[in-house]
Amino acid sequence: MGPGGPGSGWPLAGTLLVAVAASMVAGGEDCLWYIDRNGSWHPGFDCEFFTFCCGTCHQRYCCRDPLRLLTERQQRHCLAF
């Protein structure tokens, strides 16, 4: 069978390609200021090239794992709520 047939690796390869593309686009993504669960304010910070902001609304750090990516849009949503 050709590409995309039963048992092929194409769906996994497509998912991996999207994850890698997202990490490249988001390289250097900034972590905006946030307030942790204790109510303490934390200033925003920049992530190095090929890393991006990861974590949750209440804890942020730089990482390379695209599955933990926290976009600036998501961070602003945290601030609204």
Protein backbone atom coordinates (compact mmCIF):
# COMPACT_ATOMS: atom_id res chain seq x y z
CA MET A 1 0.00 0.00 0.00
CA GLY A 2 1.06 3.60 -0.57
CA PRO A 3 1.50 6.46 1.87
CA GLY A 4 -1.24 6.79 4.42
CA GLY A 5 -2.34 3.16 4.15
CA PRO A 6 -3.13 1.01 7.17
CA GLY A 7 -0.20 0.64 9.51
CA SER A 8 1.85 3.36 7.87
CA GLY A 9 3.78 5.88 9.92
CA TRP A 10 2.32 8.92 8.10
CA PRO A 11 -0.06 10.12 10.85
CA LEU A 12 2.77 9.97 13.40
CA ALA A 13 5.18 11.63 10.99
CA GLY A 14 2.66 14.42 10.38
CA THR A 15 2.20 14.98 14.11
CA LEU A 16 5.96 15.11 14.60
CA LEU A 17 6.36 17.54 11.71
CA VAL A 18 3.74 19.88 13.21
CA ALA A 19 5.44 19.72 16.62
CA VAL A 20 8.86 20.52 15.14
CA ALA A 21 7.44 23.36 13.04
CA ALA A 22 5.70 24.82 16.11
CA SER A 23 8.92 24.70 18.09
CA MET A 24 10.86 26.44 15.31
CA VAL A 25 8.23 29.17 14.91
CA ALA A 26 8.02 29.67 18.66
CA GLY A 27 11.78 29.77 19.16
CA GLY A 28 12.61 32.57 21.54
CA GLU A 29 9.01 32.83 22.73
CA ASP A 30 8.83 35.13 25.73
CA CYS A 31 7.39 34.23 29.10
CA LEU A 32 5.14 37.08 30.18
CA TRP A 33 4.80 38.23 33.78
CA TYR A 34 2.53 36.10 35.94
CA ILE A 35 1.22 35.61 39.43
CA ASP A 36 1.85 32.22 41.05
CA ARG A 37 -0.59 30.28 43.23
CA ASN A 38 0.70 32.07 46.35
CA GLY A 39 -0.11 35.46 44.85
CA SER A 40 3.54 36.38 44.21
CA TRP A 41 4.27 38.42 41.09
CA HIS A 42 7.01 37.18 38.73
CA PRO A 43 8.48 39.42 36.01
CA GLY A 44 8.50 38.31 32.40
CA PHE A 45 11.65 36.90 30.83
CA ASP A 46 13.01 35.94 27.41
CA CYS A 47 13.81 32.39 26.41
CA GLU A 48 16.96 31.61 24.44
CA PHE A 49 16.89 30.76 20.74
CA PHE A 50 15.22 27.40 20.00
CA THR A 51 13.54 27.39 23.41
CA PHE A 52 10.18 28.78 24.34
CA CYS A 53 7.94 29.46 27.28
CA CYS A 54 6.53 26.35 28.91
CA GLY A 55 4.49 25.60 32.00
CA THR A 56 1.15 26.75 33.31
CA CYS A 57 -0.62 29.98 34.18
CA HIS A 58 1.00 29.84 37.63
CA GLN A 59 4.52 28.55 36.83
CA ARG A 60 6.59 29.32 33.74
CA TYR A 61 10.02 28.29 32.51
CA CYS A 62 11.92 27.89 29.24
CA CYS A 63 12.08 24.49 27.56
CA ARG A 64 12.46 22.75 24.20
CA ASP A 65 9.47 20.40 24.50
CA PRO A 66 6.79 21.56 22.02
CA LEU A 67 4.15 19.62 23.96
CA ARG A 68 4.69 21.95 26.95
CA LEU A 69 4.61 25.15 24.88
CA LEU A 70 2.70 28.03 26.45
CA THR A 71 2.15 30.64 23.73
CA GLU A 72 1.96 34.34 24.48
CA ARG A 73 -1.72 34.19 23.52
CA GLN A 74 -2.35 31.46 26.10
CA GLN A 75 -0.39 33.46 28.69
CA ARG A 76 -2.53 36.55 28.04
CA HIS A 77 -5.62 34.36 28.45
CA CYS A 78 -4.30 33.37 31.89
CA LEU A 79 -4.09 37.06 32.82
CA ALA A 80 -7.69 37.68 31.77
CA PHE A 81 -9.00 34.96 34.05
